Amino acid sequence: MSFRRSLAAAVFGLAAASTGALAQSASHDPATVKGGSYTLEPTHTQIGWTLSHMGFSYYSGGFSNASGSLTLDPANPTADKLNVSVPIASVATTSTKLDGELKSAQWFDADKFPTATFASTGVTAEGKDRAKVTGTLTLHGVTRPVVLDVRFVGAGVNPLDKKYTVGFEAVGTIRRSDFGVKTYVPLIGDEVRLTINGAFEQQS
């Protein structure tokens, strides 16, 4: 075997070994989830929103840098608790001009209302990997009840940082006018679909 082929084989073997060491370790079985206290991991948590743009198309954006806590009791899901805080100034779309407008008093008024929060008030299991989470959403200085449909995604030890992590996807719908964000309604859609992909790390 030539030196070039030997080198290629060695590199391929190293890559394969590295890939194997970093193979997915998440379990998708809800029965494996560990109970306890968790902290929201902001880097891999995404909060998205979508609404109608003049009836021609749907337009989406998101928020980042969320923080929060989660208490899990697999034996008694009704005792689970979730609290999340989101900085309004993190709002982002594909337009930097629009980002600035959304932070202004015309829309979210991030200076006056810098934070949106969600606090759960109840959890109802729906099958082994789904639940309805009721809670209160405070946005733009207004607090209203919201229901989220939550699906368990996976849990296990993160192979990179070695922290036990659990993840969920949640979806829900609100009317922005209910929270006093009424600019261009109904030209720009009032109904907003929320999609939250949350990652939580267990606390030692």
N, C-alpha and C. Protein backbone atom coordinates (compact mmCIF):
# COMPACT_ATOMS: atom_id res chain seq x y z
N MET A 1 0.85 -1.20 0.00
CA MET A 1 0.00 0.00 0.00
C MET A 1 0.88 1.25 0.00
N SER A 2 0.55 2.22 -0.84
CA SER A 2 1.34 3.44 -0.93
C SER A 2 1.17 4.29 0.32
N PHE A 3 2.14 5.21 0.51
CA PHE A 3 2.06 6.12 1.66
C PHE A 3 0.78 6.93 1.61
N ARG A 4 0.39 7.38 0.41
CA ARG A 4 -0.81 8.22 0.28
C ARG A 4 -2.05 7.45 0.71
N ARG A 5 -2.11 6.16 0.27
CA ARG A 5 -3.27 5.35 0.63
C ARG A 5 -3.28 5.06 2.13
N SER A 6 -2.09 4.83 2.69
CA SER A 6 -2.00 4.56 4.13
C SER A 6 -2.45 5.76 4.94
N LEU A 7 -2.03 6.96 4.49
CA LEU A 7 -2.41 8.18 5.18
C LEU A 7 -3.92 8.40 5.08
N ALA A 8 -4.48 8.16 3.89
CA ALA A 8 -5.93 8.34 3.70
C ALA A 8 -6.70 7.38 4.59
N ALA A 9 -6.21 6.14 4.68
CA ALA A 9 -6.88 5.14 5.51
C ALA A 9 -6.84 5.55 6.97
N ALA A 10 -5.69 6.10 7.41
CA ALA A 10 -5.56 6.52 8.81
C ALA A 10 -6.49 7.67 9.12
N VAL A 11 -6.57 8.64 8.20
CA VAL A 11 -7.45 9.79 8.40
C VAL A 11 -8.89 9.34 8.44
N PHE A 12 -9.28 8.43 7.54
CA PHE A 12 -10.65 7.93 7.50
C PHE A 12 -10.98 7.20 8.78
N GLY A 13 -10.03 6.40 9.27
CA GLY A 13 -10.26 5.66 10.50
C GLY A 13 -10.43 6.57 11.69
N LEU A 14 -9.63 7.65 11.74
CA LEU A 14 -9.74 8.62 12.84
C LEU A 14 -11.08 9.33 12.79
N ALA A 15 -11.50 9.70 11.60
CA ALA A 15 -12.78 10.38 11.45
C ALA A 15 -13.92 9.48 11.87
N ALA A 16 -13.84 8.21 11.48
CA ALA A 16 -14.89 7.26 11.83
C ALA A 16 -14.95 7.06 13.34
N ALA A 17 -13.76 6.98 13.96
CA ALA A 17 -13.73 6.82 15.41
C ALA A 17 -14.31 8.02 16.12
N SER A 18 -14.00 9.24 15.62
CA SER A 18 -14.52 10.46 16.22
C SER A 18 -16.03 10.52 16.08
N THR A 19 -16.52 10.13 14.88
CA THR A 19 -17.96 10.15 14.65
C THR A 19 -18.66 9.18 15.58
N GLY A 20 -18.05 8.02 15.77
CA GLY A 20 -18.65 7.03 16.67
C GLY A 20 -18.70 7.53 18.09
N ALA A 21 -17.64 8.23 18.51
CA ALA A 21 -17.59 8.74 19.88
C ALA A 21 -18.64 9.82 20.12
N LEU A 22 -19.03 10.52 19.05
CA LEU A 22 -20.00 11.61 19.18
C LEU A 22 -21.37 11.20 18.65
N ALA A 23 -21.62 9.90 18.57
CA ALA A 23 -22.91 9.43 18.08
C ALA A 23 -24.02 9.92 19.00
N GLN A 24 -25.21 10.05 18.44
CA GLN A 24 -26.35 10.51 19.23
C GLN A 24 -26.57 9.61 20.43
N SER A 25 -26.75 10.21 21.58
CA SER A 25 -26.99 9.44 22.79
C SER A 25 -28.36 9.72 23.38
N ALA A 26 -29.19 10.47 22.67
CA ALA A 26 -30.51 10.82 23.17
C ALA A 26 -31.48 9.64 23.05
N SER A 27 -32.26 9.46 24.08
CA SER A 27 -33.33 8.47 24.05
C SER A 27 -34.63 9.18 23.71
N HIS A 28 -35.48 8.53 22.90
CA HIS A 28 -36.76 9.11 22.54
C HIS A 28 -37.90 8.45 23.30
N ASP A 29 -37.53 7.69 24.33
CA ASP A 29 -38.51 7.01 25.18
C ASP A 29 -38.76 7.86 26.42
N PRO A 30 -39.97 8.40 26.59
CA PRO A 30 -40.26 9.26 27.75
C PRO A 30 -40.02 8.56 29.09
N ALA A 31 -40.07 7.23 29.09
CA ALA A 31 -39.88 6.49 30.33
C ALA A 31 -38.47 6.62 30.87
N THR A 32 -37.53 7.06 30.02
CA THR A 32 -36.14 7.18 30.46
C THR A 32 -35.82 8.55 31.05
N VAL A 33 -36.75 9.48 30.99
CA VAL A 33 -36.48 10.85 31.45
C VAL A 33 -36.27 10.88 32.96
N LYS A 34 -35.23 11.60 33.37
CA LYS A 34 -34.93 11.75 34.80
C LYS A 34 -35.68 12.95 35.38
N GLY A 35 -36.25 12.74 36.54
CA GLY A 35 -36.91 13.83 37.23
C GLY A 35 -35.90 14.76 37.87
N GLY A 36 -36.36 15.94 38.25
CA GLY A 36 -35.49 16.89 38.92
C GLY A 36 -35.65 18.30 38.40
N SER A 37 -34.67 19.13 38.75
CA SER A 37 -34.69 20.54 38.37
C SER A 37 -33.78 20.77 37.16
N TYR A 38 -34.27 21.55 36.22
CA TYR A 38 -33.55 21.83 34.99
C TYR A 38 -33.48 23.34 34.75
N THR A 39 -32.43 23.73 34.03
CA THR A 39 -32.28 25.12 33.60
C THR A 39 -32.32 25.17 32.09
N LEU A 40 -33.04 26.14 31.55
CA LEU A 40 -33.12 26.29 30.10
C LEU A 40 -31.74 26.60 29.52
N GLU A 41 -31.40 25.92 28.44
CA GLU A 41 -30.10 26.12 27.78
C GLU A 41 -30.34 27.04 26.58
N PRO A 42 -29.95 28.31 26.66
CA PRO A 42 -30.35 29.31 25.66
C PRO A 42 -29.75 29.10 24.27
N THR A 43 -28.56 28.53 24.18
CA THR A 43 -27.90 28.40 22.88
C THR A 43 -28.68 27.50 21.93
N HIS A 44 -29.33 26.48 22.47
CA HIS A 44 -30.05 25.53 21.63
C HIS A 44 -31.55 25.55 21.87
N THR A 45 -32.04 26.68 22.38
CA THR A 45 -33.47 26.90 22.50
C THR A 45 -33.88 27.97 21.50
N GLN A 46 -34.91 27.68 20.72
CA GLN A 46 -35.38 28.61 19.70
C GLN A 46 -36.86 28.88 19.89
N ILE A 47 -37.23 30.16 19.81
CA ILE A 47 -38.62 30.58 19.93
C ILE A 47 -39.00 31.30 18.65
N GLY A 48 -39.89 30.69 17.89
CA GLY A 48 -40.26 31.25 16.59
C GLY A 48 -41.72 31.67 16.55
N TRP A 49 -42.01 32.59 15.66
CA TRP A 49 -43.38 33.03 15.45
C TRP A 49 -43.65 33.20 13.95
N THR A 50 -44.90 32.99 13.57
CA THR A 50 -45.31 33.10 12.17
C THR A 50 -46.69 33.74 12.11
N LEU A 51 -46.86 34.68 11.16
CA LEU A 51 -48.18 35.28 10.94
C LEU A 51 -48.37 35.58 9.46
N SER A 52 -49.60 35.92 9.11
CA SER A 52 -49.92 36.21 7.72
C SER A 52 -49.40 37.59 7.33
N HIS A 53 -48.80 37.66 6.15
CA HIS A 53 -48.33 38.94 5.62
C HIS A 53 -49.26 39.38 4.50
N MET A 54 -50.28 40.18 4.85
CA MET A 54 -51.25 40.73 3.90
C MET A 54 -52.03 39.65 3.15
N GLY A 55 -52.02 38.44 3.67
CA GLY A 55 -52.74 37.35 3.01
C GLY A 55 -52.01 36.74 1.84
N PHE A 56 -50.84 37.30 1.49
CA PHE A 56 -50.08 36.78 0.35
C PHE A 56 -49.16 35.63 0.74
N SER A 57 -48.61 35.72 1.95
CA SER A 57 -47.63 34.73 2.39
C SER A 57 -47.58 34.72 3.91
N TYR A 58 -46.80 33.80 4.44
CA TYR A 58 -46.56 33.78 5.89
C TYR A 58 -45.16 34.30 6.16
N TYR A 59 -45.03 35.06 7.22
CA TYR A 59 -43.74 35.66 7.57
C TYR A 59 -43.35 35.21 8.97
N SER A 60 -42.08 34.86 9.13
CA SER A 60 -41.62 34.31 10.40
C SER A 60 -40.44 35.09 10.96
N GLY A 61 -40.30 35.02 12.26
CA GLY A 61 -39.17 35.60 12.96
C GLY A 61 -38.97 34.82 14.25
N GLY A 62 -38.13 35.34 15.11
CA GLY A 62 -37.89 34.61 16.35
C GLY A 62 -37.28 35.46 17.44
N PHE A 63 -37.16 34.84 18.61
CA PHE A 63 -36.50 35.45 19.76
C PHE A 63 -35.39 34.50 20.22
N SER A 64 -34.39 35.04 20.88
CA SER A 64 -33.28 34.22 21.37
C SER A 64 -32.89 34.65 22.79
N ASN A 65 -31.87 33.97 23.32
CA ASN A 65 -31.32 34.30 24.65
C ASN A 65 -32.35 34.16 25.78
N ALA A 66 -33.24 33.18 25.63
CA ALA A 66 -34.22 32.93 26.69
C ALA A 66 -33.55 32.33 27.92
N SER A 67 -34.22 32.47 29.04
CA SER A 67 -33.76 31.84 30.28
C SER A 67 -34.98 31.24 30.96
N GLY A 68 -34.73 30.32 31.89
CA GLY A 68 -35.87 29.74 32.57
C GLY A 68 -35.54 28.48 33.33
N SER A 69 -36.58 27.89 33.91
CA SER A 69 -36.41 26.69 34.72
C SER A 69 -37.54 25.71 34.43
N LEU A 70 -37.24 24.44 34.67
CA LEU A 70 -38.22 23.37 34.46
C LEU A 70 -38.06 22.37 35.59
N THR A 71 -39.19 22.00 36.19
CA THR A 71 -39.20 20.95 37.20
C THR A 71 -39.98 19.77 36.64
N LEU A 72 -39.34 18.60 36.59
CA LEU A 72 -39.96 17.42 36.01
C LEU A 72 -40.18 16.35 37.08
N ASP A 73 -41.36 15.76 37.06
CA ASP A 73 -41.68 14.61 37.90
C ASP A 73 -42.34 13.57 37.00
N PRO A 74 -41.55 12.67 36.41
CA PRO A 74 -42.10 11.69 35.46
C PRO A 74 -43.24 10.85 36.04
N ALA A 75 -43.21 10.63 37.35
CA ALA A 75 -44.27 9.82 37.98
C ALA A 75 -45.55 10.61 38.18
N ASN A 76 -45.46 11.94 38.11
CA ASN A 76 -46.63 12.79 38.33
C ASN A 76 -46.51 14.05 37.48
N PRO A 77 -46.77 13.94 36.16
CA PRO A 77 -46.60 15.08 35.25
C PRO A 77 -47.40 16.32 35.65
N THR A 78 -48.50 16.14 36.38
CA THR A 78 -49.30 17.31 36.77
C THR A 78 -48.53 18.22 37.72
N ALA A 79 -47.44 17.71 38.30
CA ALA A 79 -46.63 18.51 39.22
C ALA A 79 -45.51 19.26 38.50
N ASP A 80 -45.36 19.04 37.20
CA ASP A 80 -44.30 19.71 36.45
C ASP A 80 -44.53 21.22 36.42
N LYS A 81 -43.43 21.97 36.42
CA LYS A 81 -43.49 23.43 36.41
C LYS A 81 -42.52 23.99 35.38
N LEU A 82 -42.95 25.01 34.65
CA LEU A 82 -42.11 25.66 33.64
C LEU A 82 -42.21 27.17 33.77
N ASN A 83 -41.06 27.83 33.79
CA ASN A 83 -41.01 29.29 33.77
C ASN A 83 -39.96 29.73 32.77
N VAL A 84 -40.35 30.61 31.87
CA VAL A 84 -39.45 31.07 30.81
C VAL A 84 -39.50 32.58 30.69
N SER A 85 -38.35 33.20 30.48
CA SER A 85 -38.25 34.64 30.29
C SER A 85 -37.52 34.91 28.98
N VAL A 86 -38.05 35.83 28.18
CA VAL A 86 -37.49 36.11 26.85
C VAL A 86 -37.24 37.60 26.68
N PRO A 87 -36.01 38.00 26.33
CA PRO A 87 -35.74 39.42 26.09
C PRO A 87 -36.33 39.88 24.75
N ILE A 88 -37.21 40.85 24.78
CA ILE A 88 -37.89 41.31 23.58
C ILE A 88 -36.91 41.89 22.56
N ALA A 89 -35.84 42.52 23.03
CA ALA A 89 -34.86 43.12 22.12
C ALA A 89 -34.13 42.09 21.28
N SER A 90 -34.31 40.80 21.58
CA SER A 90 -33.66 39.76 20.78
C SER A 90 -34.43 39.42 19.52
N VAL A 91 -35.59 40.06 19.31
CA VAL A 91 -36.40 39.74 18.14
C VAL A 91 -35.59 39.91 16.86
N ALA A 92 -35.73 38.94 15.94
CA ALA A 92 -34.94 38.98 14.71
C ALA A 92 -35.74 38.38 13.55
N THR A 93 -35.59 39.02 12.38
CA THR A 93 -36.19 38.53 11.14
C THR A 93 -35.10 38.56 10.07
N THR A 94 -35.50 38.46 8.82
CA THR A 94 -34.53 38.55 7.72
C THR A 94 -34.28 40.00 7.31
N SER A 95 -34.90 40.95 8.02
CA SER A 95 -34.74 42.36 7.70
C SER A 95 -34.28 43.14 8.93
N THR A 96 -33.10 43.73 8.89
CA THR A 96 -32.62 44.50 10.04
C THR A 96 -33.48 45.75 10.25
N LYS A 97 -34.02 46.31 9.17
CA LYS A 97 -34.90 47.46 9.31
C LYS A 97 -36.16 47.08 10.08
N LEU A 98 -36.74 45.94 9.72
CA LEU A 98 -37.94 45.48 10.41
C LEU A 98 -37.63 45.14 11.86
N ASP A 99 -36.45 44.58 12.12
CA ASP A 99 -36.07 44.27 13.50
C ASP A 99 -36.16 45.51 14.37
N GLY A 100 -35.64 46.62 13.84
CA GLY A 100 -35.68 47.88 14.58
C GLY A 100 -37.11 48.35 14.80
N GLU A 101 -37.96 48.21 13.78
CA GLU A 101 -39.35 48.62 13.90
C GLU A 101 -40.08 47.79 14.96
N LEU A 102 -39.82 46.49 14.97
CA LEU A 102 -40.50 45.61 15.92
C LEU A 102 -40.13 45.94 17.36
N LYS A 103 -38.93 46.44 17.58
CA LYS A 103 -38.49 46.81 18.93
C LYS A 103 -39.08 48.16 19.36
N SER A 104 -39.58 48.93 18.42
CA SER A 104 -40.05 50.29 18.70
C SER A 104 -41.41 50.28 19.39
N ALA A 105 -41.82 51.47 19.83
CA ALA A 105 -43.10 51.63 20.52
C ALA A 105 -44.28 51.29 19.61
N GLN A 106 -44.06 51.29 18.30
CA GLN A 106 -45.13 50.97 17.35
C GLN A 106 -45.54 49.50 17.46
N TRP A 107 -44.60 48.66 17.88
CA TRP A 107 -44.87 47.23 17.97
C TRP A 107 -44.67 46.73 19.41
N PHE A 108 -43.52 46.09 19.69
CA PHE A 108 -43.31 45.47 21.00
C PHE A 108 -42.91 46.46 22.10
N ASP A 109 -42.36 47.61 21.71
CA ASP A 109 -41.93 48.62 22.69
C ASP A 109 -40.96 48.01 23.70
N ALA A 110 -39.83 47.52 23.18
CA ALA A 110 -38.85 46.79 24.00
C ALA A 110 -38.29 47.63 25.13
N ASP A 111 -38.20 48.94 24.97
CA ASP A 111 -37.68 49.79 26.04
C ASP A 111 -38.62 49.81 27.25
N LYS A 112 -39.91 49.87 26.98
CA LYS A 112 -40.90 49.93 28.06
C LYS A 112 -41.24 48.55 28.61
N PHE A 113 -41.26 47.55 27.70
CA PHE A 113 -41.61 46.19 28.08
C PHE A 113 -40.49 45.25 27.62
N PRO A 114 -39.38 45.23 28.33
CA PRO A 114 -38.18 44.52 27.86
C PRO A 114 -38.24 43.00 27.90
N THR A 115 -39.22 42.46 28.62
CA THR A 115 -39.23 41.01 28.81
C THR A 115 -40.63 40.42 28.62
N ALA A 116 -40.68 39.27 27.98
CA ALA A 116 -41.90 38.47 27.92
C ALA A 116 -41.68 37.24 28.79
N THR A 117 -42.73 36.81 29.50
CA THR A 117 -42.58 35.66 30.38
C THR A 117 -43.74 34.68 30.20
N PHE A 118 -43.42 33.41 30.43
CA PHE A 118 -44.46 32.37 30.45
C PHE A 118 -44.29 31.58 31.74
N ALA A 119 -45.38 31.39 32.45
CA ALA A 119 -45.37 30.61 33.68
C ALA A 119 -46.48 29.57 33.60
N SER A 120 -46.13 28.31 33.72
CA SER A 120 -47.14 27.26 33.62
C SER A 120 -48.05 27.26 34.86
N THR A 121 -49.30 26.88 34.63
CA THR A 121 -50.26 26.75 35.72
C THR A 121 -50.83 25.35 35.80
N GLY A 122 -50.59 24.54 34.78
CA GLY A 122 -51.11 23.17 34.78
C GLY A 122 -50.56 22.36 33.64
N VAL A 123 -50.45 21.04 33.85
CA VAL A 123 -49.97 20.12 32.83
C VAL A 123 -50.92 18.94 32.77
N THR A 124 -51.38 18.62 31.55
CA THR A 124 -52.25 17.46 31.35
C THR A 124 -51.59 16.54 30.33
N ALA A 125 -51.25 15.32 30.76
CA ALA A 125 -50.62 14.36 29.86
C ALA A 125 -51.61 13.90 28.79
N GLU A 126 -51.12 13.74 27.56
CA GLU A 126 -51.93 13.26 26.46
C GLU A 126 -51.12 12.19 25.71
N GLY A 127 -51.18 10.97 26.20
CA GLY A 127 -50.34 9.93 25.64
C GLY A 127 -48.99 9.94 26.32
N LYS A 128 -48.11 9.04 25.92
CA LYS A 128 -46.85 8.89 26.63
C LYS A 128 -45.84 9.98 26.35
N ASP A 129 -45.97 10.69 25.20
CA ASP A 129 -44.95 11.69 24.87
C ASP A 129 -45.51 13.07 24.57
N ARG A 130 -46.75 13.31 24.93
CA ARG A 130 -47.36 14.61 24.64
C ARG A 130 -48.14 15.13 25.85
N ALA A 131 -48.29 16.45 25.91
CA ALA A 131 -49.04 17.05 27.01
C ALA A 131 -49.55 18.41 26.59
N LYS A 132 -50.60 18.86 27.27
CA LYS A 132 -51.07 20.24 27.14
C LYS A 132 -50.59 21.00 28.36
N VAL A 133 -49.90 22.08 28.12
CA VAL A 133 -49.40 22.91 29.21
C VAL A 133 -50.15 24.23 29.19
N THR A 134 -50.90 24.50 30.23
CA THR A 134 -51.59 25.77 30.36
C THR A 134 -50.72 26.71 31.18
N GLY A 135 -50.86 28.00 30.90
CA GLY A 135 -50.06 28.95 31.64
C GLY A 135 -50.46 30.37 31.33
N THR A 136 -49.69 31.30 31.84
CA THR A 136 -49.95 32.72 31.58
C THR A 136 -48.76 33.30 30.82
N LEU A 137 -49.07 34.00 29.76
CA LEU A 137 -48.07 34.71 28.97
C LEU A 137 -48.20 36.20 29.24
N THR A 138 -47.09 36.81 29.63
CA THR A 138 -47.05 38.26 29.81
C THR A 138 -46.23 38.86 28.69
N LEU A 139 -46.87 39.70 27.88
CA LEU A 139 -46.24 40.30 26.71
C LEU A 139 -46.78 41.72 26.54
N HIS A 140 -45.88 42.68 26.31
CA HIS A 140 -46.31 44.05 26.08
C HIS A 140 -47.12 44.59 27.25
N GLY A 141 -46.79 44.11 28.47
CA GLY A 141 -47.46 44.58 29.67
C GLY A 141 -48.81 43.96 29.94
N VAL A 142 -49.20 42.97 29.14
CA VAL A 142 -50.50 42.31 29.28
C VAL A 142 -50.29 40.84 29.61
N THR A 143 -51.06 40.33 30.56
CA THR A 143 -50.98 38.92 30.94
C THR A 143 -52.27 38.21 30.57
N ARG A 144 -52.14 37.12 29.81
CA ARG A 144 -53.32 36.37 29.37
C ARG A 144 -53.01 34.88 29.41
N PRO A 145 -54.06 34.05 29.52
CA PRO A 145 -53.85 32.60 29.52
C PRO A 145 -53.48 32.09 28.13
N VAL A 146 -52.63 31.08 28.09
CA VAL A 146 -52.17 30.47 26.83
C VAL A 146 -52.08 28.96 27.04
N VAL A 147 -52.38 28.21 25.98
CA VAL A 147 -52.24 26.76 26.02
C VAL A 147 -51.21 26.33 24.98
N LEU A 148 -50.25 25.51 25.41
CA LEU A 148 -49.22 25.00 24.51
C LEU A 148 -49.37 23.49 24.36
N ASP A 149 -49.28 23.02 23.13
CA ASP A 149 -49.23 21.58 22.86
C ASP A 149 -47.77 21.17 22.83
N VAL A 150 -47.38 20.32 23.76
CA VAL A 150 -45.97 19.98 23.97
C VAL A 150 -45.71 18.53 23.59
N ARG A 151 -44.59 18.32 22.90
CA ARG A 151 -44.16 16.98 22.52
C ARG A 151 -42.75 16.73 23.02
N PHE A 152 -42.55 15.60 23.69
CA PHE A 152 -41.22 15.20 24.13
C PHE A 152 -40.38 14.84 22.91
N VAL A 153 -39.14 15.34 22.85
CA VAL A 153 -38.26 15.05 21.72
C VAL A 153 -37.19 14.03 22.10
N GLY A 154 -36.44 14.30 23.16
CA GLY A 154 -35.39 13.36 23.54
C GLY A 154 -34.72 13.74 24.83
N ALA A 155 -33.99 12.78 25.41
CA ALA A 155 -33.27 13.04 26.66
C ALA A 155 -32.05 12.15 26.74
N GLY A 156 -31.01 12.64 27.39
CA GLY A 156 -29.80 11.87 27.56
C GLY A 156 -28.62 12.78 27.84
N VAL A 157 -27.44 12.18 27.93
CA VAL A 157 -26.23 12.94 28.21
C VAL A 157 -25.69 13.53 26.91
N ASN A 158 -25.54 14.84 26.89
CA ASN A 158 -24.96 15.52 25.73
C ASN A 158 -23.51 15.05 25.57
N PRO A 159 -23.14 14.48 24.41
CA PRO A 159 -21.79 13.94 24.25
C PRO A 159 -20.70 15.01 24.21
N LEU A 160 -21.09 16.28 24.04
CA LEU A 160 -20.08 17.34 23.98
C LEU A 160 -19.81 17.95 25.36
N ASP A 161 -20.85 18.34 26.07
CA ASP A 161 -20.60 18.97 27.38
C ASP A 161 -20.87 18.04 28.56
N LYS A 162 -21.32 16.80 28.26
CA LYS A 162 -21.52 15.76 29.27
C LYS A 162 -22.65 16.10 30.26
N LYS A 163 -23.54 16.99 29.87
CA LYS A 163 -24.65 17.36 30.75
C LYS A 163 -25.92 16.62 30.34
N TYR A 164 -26.65 16.14 31.34
CA TYR A 164 -27.91 15.46 31.04
C TYR A 164 -28.91 16.51 30.55
N THR A 165 -29.47 16.26 29.37
CA THR A 165 -30.30 17.24 28.69
C THR A 165 -31.63 16.62 28.27
N VAL A 166 -32.69 17.39 28.37
CA VAL A 166 -34.00 16.95 27.90
C VAL A 166 -34.57 18.03 27.00
N GLY A 167 -35.26 17.61 25.94
CA GLY A 167 -35.77 18.59 24.97
C GLY A 167 -37.22 18.37 24.62
N PHE A 168 -37.92 19.47 24.34
CA PHE A 168 -39.34 19.43 23.99
C PHE A 168 -39.62 20.40 22.84
N GLU A 169 -40.68 20.10 22.11
CA GLU A 169 -41.21 21.04 21.11
C GLU A 169 -42.60 21.45 21.57
N ALA A 170 -42.88 22.75 21.53
CA ALA A 170 -44.19 23.25 21.94
C ALA A 170 -44.74 24.18 20.86
N VAL A 171 -46.03 24.08 20.62
CA VAL A 171 -46.68 24.97 19.66
C VAL A 171 -47.95 25.54 20.28
N GLY A 172 -48.27 26.75 19.89
CA GLY A 172 -49.47 27.39 20.39
C GLY A 172 -49.84 28.57 19.51
N THR A 173 -51.01 29.12 19.72
CA THR A 173 -51.49 30.25 18.92
C THR A 173 -52.02 31.34 19.83
N ILE A 174 -51.64 32.58 19.54
CA ILE A 174 -52.16 33.73 20.28
C ILE A 174 -52.66 34.77 19.29
N ARG A 175 -53.42 35.73 19.78
CA ARG A 175 -53.78 36.90 18.99
C ARG A 175 -53.00 38.08 19.55
N ARG A 176 -52.19 38.69 18.71
CA ARG A 176 -51.33 39.77 19.20
C ARG A 176 -52.13 40.97 19.69
N SER A 177 -53.31 41.17 19.10
CA SER A 177 -54.13 42.30 19.55
C SER A 177 -54.59 42.11 20.99
N ASP A 178 -54.68 40.86 21.46
CA ASP A 178 -55.04 40.60 22.85
C ASP A 178 -53.98 41.16 23.81
N PHE A 179 -52.77 41.34 23.29
CA PHE A 179 -51.67 41.84 24.11
C PHE A 179 -51.35 43.30 23.79
N GLY A 180 -52.24 43.94 23.06
CA GLY A 180 -52.06 45.36 22.76
C GLY A 180 -51.12 45.65 21.62
N VAL A 181 -50.71 44.62 20.87
CA VAL A 181 -49.84 44.82 19.71
C VAL A 181 -50.75 44.79 18.48
N LYS A 182 -51.28 45.94 18.10
CA LYS A 182 -52.36 46.00 17.11
C LYS A 182 -51.96 46.62 15.77
N THR A 183 -50.71 47.00 15.62
CA THR A 183 -50.28 47.69 14.40
C THR A 183 -50.61 46.88 13.15
N TYR A 184 -51.32 47.53 12.21
CA TYR A 184 -51.68 46.99 10.90
C TYR A 184 -52.63 45.79 10.95
N VAL A 185 -53.29 45.55 12.08
CA VAL A 185 -54.32 44.52 12.10
C VAL A 185 -55.55 45.09 11.40
N PRO A 186 -56.20 44.36 10.46
CA PRO A 186 -55.94 42.98 10.06
C PRO A 186 -55.06 42.83 8.82
N LEU A 187 -54.52 43.94 8.30
CA LEU A 187 -53.68 43.82 7.10
C LEU A 187 -52.53 42.84 7.34
N ILE A 188 -51.86 43.01 8.47
CA ILE A 188 -50.88 42.02 8.92
C ILE A 188 -51.57 41.15 9.96
N GLY A 189 -51.48 39.87 9.82
CA GLY A 189 -52.27 38.93 10.60
C GLY A 189 -52.27 39.17 12.11
N ASP A 190 -53.43 38.96 12.70
CA ASP A 190 -53.58 39.07 14.14
C ASP A 190 -53.18 37.75 14.82
N GLU A 191 -53.51 36.64 14.18
CA GLU A 191 -53.21 35.34 14.75
C GLU A 191 -51.74 35.00 14.54
N VAL A 192 -51.07 34.65 15.63
CA VAL A 192 -49.63 34.36 15.59
C VAL A 192 -49.40 32.93 16.08
N ARG A 193 -48.72 32.15 15.26
CA ARG A 193 -48.38 30.78 15.64
C ARG A 193 -47.00 30.78 16.28
N LEU A 194 -46.92 30.22 17.48
CA LEU A 194 -45.66 30.14 18.21
C LEU A 194 -45.11 28.71 18.13
N THR A 195 -43.81 28.60 17.91
CA THR A 195 -43.13 27.31 17.92
C THR A 195 -41.90 27.43 18.80
N ILE A 196 -41.85 26.61 19.83
CA ILE A 196 -40.73 26.67 20.77
C ILE A 196 -40.01 25.33 20.78
N ASN A 197 -38.72 25.34 20.50
CA ASN A 197 -37.89 24.16 20.63
C ASN A 197 -36.97 24.40 21.81
N GLY A 198 -37.25 23.73 22.92
CA GLY A 198 -36.54 24.02 24.16
C GLY A 198 -35.60 22.91 24.59
N ALA A 199 -34.41 23.29 25.01
CA ALA A 199 -33.43 22.36 25.58
C ALA A 199 -33.19 22.75 27.03
N PHE A 200 -33.19 21.75 27.91
CA PHE A 200 -33.02 22.00 29.35
C PHE A 200 -31.95 21.07 29.91
N GLU A 201 -31.08 21.63 30.75
CA GLU A 201 -30.00 20.86 31.36
C GLU A 201 -30.29 20.61 32.83
N GLN A 202 -30.12 19.36 33.25
CA GLN A 202 -30.38 19.01 34.63
C GLN A 202 -29.36 19.64 35.55
N GLN A 203 -29.84 20.13 36.71
CA GLN A 203 -28.96 20.73 37.70
C GLN A 203 -28.49 19.67 38.69
N SER A 204 -27.22 19.73 39.03
CA SER A 204 -26.65 18.74 39.96
C SER A 204 -27.09 19.02 41.39
